[in-house]
Amino acid sequence: MDTKIYLDKSGGLLITTRFSEWENNMRLGIFPQQHFLLIDTFALKSNHIILKSVSFDKVPLKDFVTINNYLKYIEFDEVAIHECNLINVQLPNCKHLILGIKVKLNLSNEILLSIQKITFLSLKTFRGKILNDLNNIKDLIVWDDIGFINELLKKIPYIEILQLFKTNLETLDISLNHHLCLLELYNSKKLKRLEFTKDNMPNKISFEMCPNLVI
């Protein structure tokens, strides 16, 4: 298969079809310099390797399923997915799921069994669906929203922490998020108001570069 597996010194896996682009970005200083070791799937079963994170970068569905069979008994701190079409797959066990640009992945409680935190690096390019309420998610980070965040918040009712970096909405609706303790807002120049009830106002609200927001 074209997909290759690389291991870094920190116990992170990089699974990608375009490692040459990673190498070029490291040479240019876009990505931090790291040393990667090319490994095979049999090495994933080794008791001598402690794995902490895994990144899937432009991995075809068939290759993802094959490699994931070797990862299903590993508990990762983080799983990151970039430019992948992974509709209706089971994800590796992890605490934190990071979704990069151009990800197509349907999210449900059934595939997010152990995940408590989700980061959307580009909500505007996310092409998946939320199939049911994600009741286990407590921490949500969202970058680059073009108006989907309010619908997303309805599907994640029990979040305690929300960090939002850039939205083009004028009103952020958190009226259904009764457990929200911390709300941080950044670089949202169109945002004017927050919608919540007096019973579910977050304990702490902070905002930067939101010139039109009135609380």
Protein backbone atom coordinates (compact mmCIF):
# COMPACT_ATOMS: atom_id res chain seq x y z
CA MET A 1 0.00 0.00 0.00
CA ASP A 2 1.07 3.61 -0.57
CA THR A 3 0.40 4.54 3.06
CA LYS A 4 3.51 4.40 5.27
CA ILE A 5 3.90 4.38 9.05
CA TYR A 6 6.50 6.50 10.82
CA LEU A 7 7.44 6.69 14.50
CA ASP A 8 8.95 9.72 16.22
CA LYS A 9 10.99 9.83 19.44
CA SER A 10 8.06 11.01 21.56
CA GLY A 11 5.95 7.93 20.81
CA GLY A 12 3.91 9.56 18.08
CA LEU A 13 2.85 7.77 14.92
CA LEU A 14 2.56 9.54 11.58
CA ILE A 15 0.57 7.54 9.04
CA THR A 16 0.61 9.22 5.65
CA THR A 17 0.74 8.89 1.88
CA ARG A 18 2.82 12.05 1.45
CA PHE A 19 5.83 11.90 3.75
CA SER A 20 7.96 13.80 1.23
CA GLU A 21 5.74 16.84 1.79
CA TRP A 22 6.28 16.55 5.56
CA GLU A 23 10.03 16.41 5.01
CA ASN A 24 9.89 19.49 2.79
CA ASN A 25 7.82 21.42 5.34
CA MET A 26 10.34 20.55 8.05
CA ARG A 27 13.20 21.80 5.86
CA LEU A 28 11.31 25.05 5.27
CA GLY A 29 10.61 25.49 8.98
CA ILE A 30 6.83 25.21 8.54
CA PHE A 31 6.78 22.04 10.66
CA PRO A 32 9.14 21.53 13.64
CA GLN A 33 12.15 19.35 12.99
CA GLN A 34 11.52 15.74 14.02
CA HIS A 35 13.27 12.44 13.46
CA PHE A 36 10.98 9.76 12.02
CA LEU A 37 11.66 6.05 11.77
CA LEU A 38 9.85 4.05 9.08
CA ILE A 39 8.18 0.99 10.65
CA ASP A 40 5.78 -1.74 9.57
CA THR A 41 2.49 -2.94 11.04
CA PHE A 42 4.20 -5.76 12.97
CA ALA A 43 6.14 -3.18 15.00
CA LEU A 44 2.83 -1.82 16.29
CA LYS A 45 2.42 -5.01 18.31
CA SER A 46 5.79 -4.61 20.02
CA ASN A 47 5.78 -4.27 23.81
CA HIS A 48 8.97 -2.22 23.53
CA ILE A 49 7.25 0.77 21.89
CA ILE A 50 5.14 3.14 24.00
CA LEU A 51 2.70 4.92 21.71
CA LYS A 52 1.10 8.19 22.82
CA SER A 53 -0.44 9.70 19.70
CA VAL A 54 -1.27 8.95 16.08
CA SER A 55 -1.87 11.22 13.07
CA PHE A 56 -3.61 9.98 9.93
CA ASP A 57 -2.71 12.24 7.02
CA LYS A 58 -4.49 11.73 3.69
CA VAL A 59 -4.92 8.01 4.31
CA PRO A 60 -7.32 6.04 2.04
CA LEU A 61 -10.22 4.31 3.78
CA LYS A 62 -8.96 0.79 2.99
CA ASP A 63 -5.51 1.51 4.44
CA PHE A 64 -7.04 3.18 7.50
CA VAL A 65 -9.13 0.09 8.28
CA THR A 66 -6.14 -2.23 7.81
CA ILE A 67 -3.80 -0.22 10.06
CA ASN A 68 -6.49 0.51 12.64
CA ASN A 69 -6.85 -3.22 13.25
CA TYR A 70 -3.36 -3.12 14.73
CA LEU A 71 -4.19 -0.07 16.89
CA LYS A 72 -7.52 -1.05 18.41
CA TYR A 73 -6.04 -2.28 21.70
CA ILE A 74 -3.87 0.82 22.24
CA GLU A 75 -5.01 3.75 24.39
CA PHE A 76 -3.74 6.99 22.80
CA ASP A 77 -3.68 10.43 24.35
CA GLU A 78 -4.44 12.01 20.96
CA VAL A 79 -5.66 10.93 17.54
CA ALA A 80 -5.41 13.45 14.69
CA ILE A 81 -7.03 13.11 11.26
CA HIS A 82 -6.21 15.29 8.25
CA GLU A 83 -7.71 15.17 4.73
CA CYS A 84 -9.34 11.75 5.11
CA ASN A 85 -12.68 10.31 4.01
CA LEU A 86 -13.55 7.92 6.83
CA ILE A 87 -17.33 7.65 6.88
CA ASN A 88 -18.63 4.98 9.31
CA VAL A 89 -15.37 3.72 10.79
CA GLN A 90 -14.35 2.93 14.35
CA LEU A 91 -11.62 5.23 15.62
CA PRO A 92 -8.66 4.24 17.79
CA ASN A 93 -9.21 4.67 21.52
CA CYS A 94 -8.09 8.10 22.70
CA LYS A 95 -8.90 10.98 25.02
CA HIS A 96 -8.56 13.80 22.47
CA LEU A 97 -9.67 13.75 18.82
CA ILE A 98 -8.20 16.39 16.49
CA LEU A 99 -9.94 16.92 13.15
CA GLY A 100 -7.91 18.86 10.59
CA ILE A 101 -8.91 20.24 7.20
CA LYS A 102 -11.12 18.38 4.73
CA VAL A 103 -12.16 15.54 7.02
CA LYS A 104 -15.25 13.51 6.19
CA LEU A 105 -16.21 11.51 9.26
CA ASN A 106 -19.57 10.83 10.86
CA LEU A 107 -19.44 11.34 14.62
CA SER A 108 -21.52 9.40 17.11
CA ASN A 109 -21.29 8.08 20.66
CA GLU A 110 -20.62 4.65 19.21
CA ILE A 111 -17.32 5.65 17.58
CA LEU A 112 -16.28 8.18 20.25
CA LEU A 113 -16.28 5.67 23.10
CA SER A 114 -13.39 7.07 25.14
CA ILE A 115 -13.08 10.57 23.69
CA GLN A 116 -13.71 13.53 26.01
CA LYS A 117 -12.19 16.35 23.96
CA ILE A 118 -12.58 17.33 20.29
CA THR A 119 -10.65 19.96 18.35
CA PHE A 120 -11.87 21.13 14.95
CA LEU A 121 -8.94 22.85 13.24
CA SER A 122 -11.23 23.93 10.39
CA LEU A 123 -14.93 23.55 11.07
CA LYS A 124 -15.73 25.17 7.72
CA THR A 125 -14.10 22.27 5.83
CA PHE A 126 -15.53 19.48 8.02
CA ARG A 127 -17.78 17.29 5.84
CA GLY A 128 -19.12 14.79 8.35
CA LYS A 129 -22.40 14.52 10.24
CA ILE A 130 -23.24 14.38 13.93
CA LEU A 131 -25.46 11.30 14.14
CA ASN A 132 -26.55 11.66 17.78
CA ASP A 133 -25.82 13.74 20.87
CA LEU A 134 -22.15 13.42 21.86
CA ASN A 135 -22.76 13.16 25.59
CA ASN A 136 -19.20 12.21 26.57
CA ILE A 137 -17.54 15.34 25.16
CA LYS A 138 -16.57 17.82 27.89
CA ASP A 139 -14.03 20.01 26.09
CA LEU A 140 -14.47 21.57 22.63
CA ILE A 141 -12.04 23.68 20.61
CA VAL A 142 -13.20 25.13 17.28
CA TRP A 143 -11.20 27.05 14.68
CA ASP A 144 -12.48 28.74 11.56
CA ASP A 145 -16.27 28.55 11.79
CA ILE A 146 -18.51 29.97 9.06
CA GLY A 147 -21.79 29.53 10.89
CA PHE A 148 -22.01 25.87 11.95
CA ILE A 149 -21.02 26.26 15.60
CA ASN A 150 -24.55 26.80 16.96
CA GLU A 151 -25.81 23.56 15.41
CA LEU A 152 -22.74 21.75 16.69
CA LEU A 153 -23.31 22.99 20.25
CA LYS A 154 -26.83 21.54 20.23
CA LYS A 155 -25.28 18.11 19.63
CA ILE A 156 -22.71 18.44 22.45
CA PRO A 157 -24.90 19.38 25.43
CA TYR A 158 -22.52 18.52 28.27
CA ILE A 159 -19.42 20.49 27.35
CA GLU A 160 -17.71 22.28 30.20
CA ILE A 161 -15.06 24.15 28.21
CA LEU A 162 -15.51 25.91 24.85
CA GLN A 163 -12.72 27.74 23.00
CA LEU A 164 -13.79 29.36 19.75
CA PHE A 165 -11.22 30.86 17.39
CA LYS A 166 -12.94 32.86 14.67
CA THR A 167 -16.60 32.67 13.69
CA ASN A 168 -18.61 34.83 11.31
CA LEU A 169 -21.79 34.54 13.39
CA GLU A 170 -23.33 37.56 15.09
CA THR A 171 -24.95 35.49 17.86
CA LEU A 172 -23.45 32.52 19.67
CA ASP A 173 -26.17 30.33 21.20
CA ILE A 174 -25.09 28.45 24.34
CA SER A 175 -28.57 28.31 25.87
CA LEU A 176 -28.63 24.49 25.81
CA ASN A 177 -25.14 24.03 27.26
CA HIS A 178 -26.01 24.08 30.95
CA HIS A 179 -22.68 22.64 32.12
CA LEU A 180 -20.46 25.20 30.39
CA CYS A 181 -17.96 26.62 32.91
CA LEU A 182 -15.36 28.29 30.70
CA LEU A 183 -15.98 30.17 27.45
CA GLU A 184 -13.08 31.70 25.52
CA LEU A 185 -13.64 33.64 22.29
CA TYR A 186 -11.01 34.91 19.88
CA ASN A 187 -10.82 36.86 16.61
CA SER A 188 -14.58 36.97 15.93
CA LYS A 189 -15.14 40.46 14.57
CA LYS A 190 -18.80 39.93 13.61
CA LEU A 191 -19.85 38.44 16.95
CA LYS A 192 -22.22 40.79 18.81
CA ARG A 193 -23.98 38.78 21.50
CA LEU A 194 -24.17 35.56 23.48
CA GLU A 195 -27.47 33.81 23.94
CA PHE A 196 -27.90 32.04 27.28
CA THR A 197 -30.27 31.93 30.25
CA LYS A 198 -29.44 33.27 33.69
CA ASP A 199 -29.29 29.67 34.92
CA ASN A 200 -26.53 28.59 32.54
CA MET A 201 -24.23 31.58 32.27
CA PRO A 202 -20.61 30.28 32.20
CA ASN A 203 -18.54 30.84 35.34
CA LYS A 204 -15.83 32.54 33.28
CA ILE A 205 -16.02 34.31 29.92
CA SER A 206 -13.00 35.83 28.19
CA PHE A 207 -12.64 37.29 24.72
CA GLU A 208 -9.99 38.92 22.53
CA MET A 209 -10.32 40.62 19.14
CA CYS A 210 -14.13 40.57 19.33
CA PRO A 211 -14.72 44.35 19.00
CA ASN A 212 -18.52 44.19 18.61
CA LEU A 213 -19.27 41.74 21.42
CA VAL A 214 -21.37 43.09 24.27
CA ILE A 215 -22.02 40.88 27.31
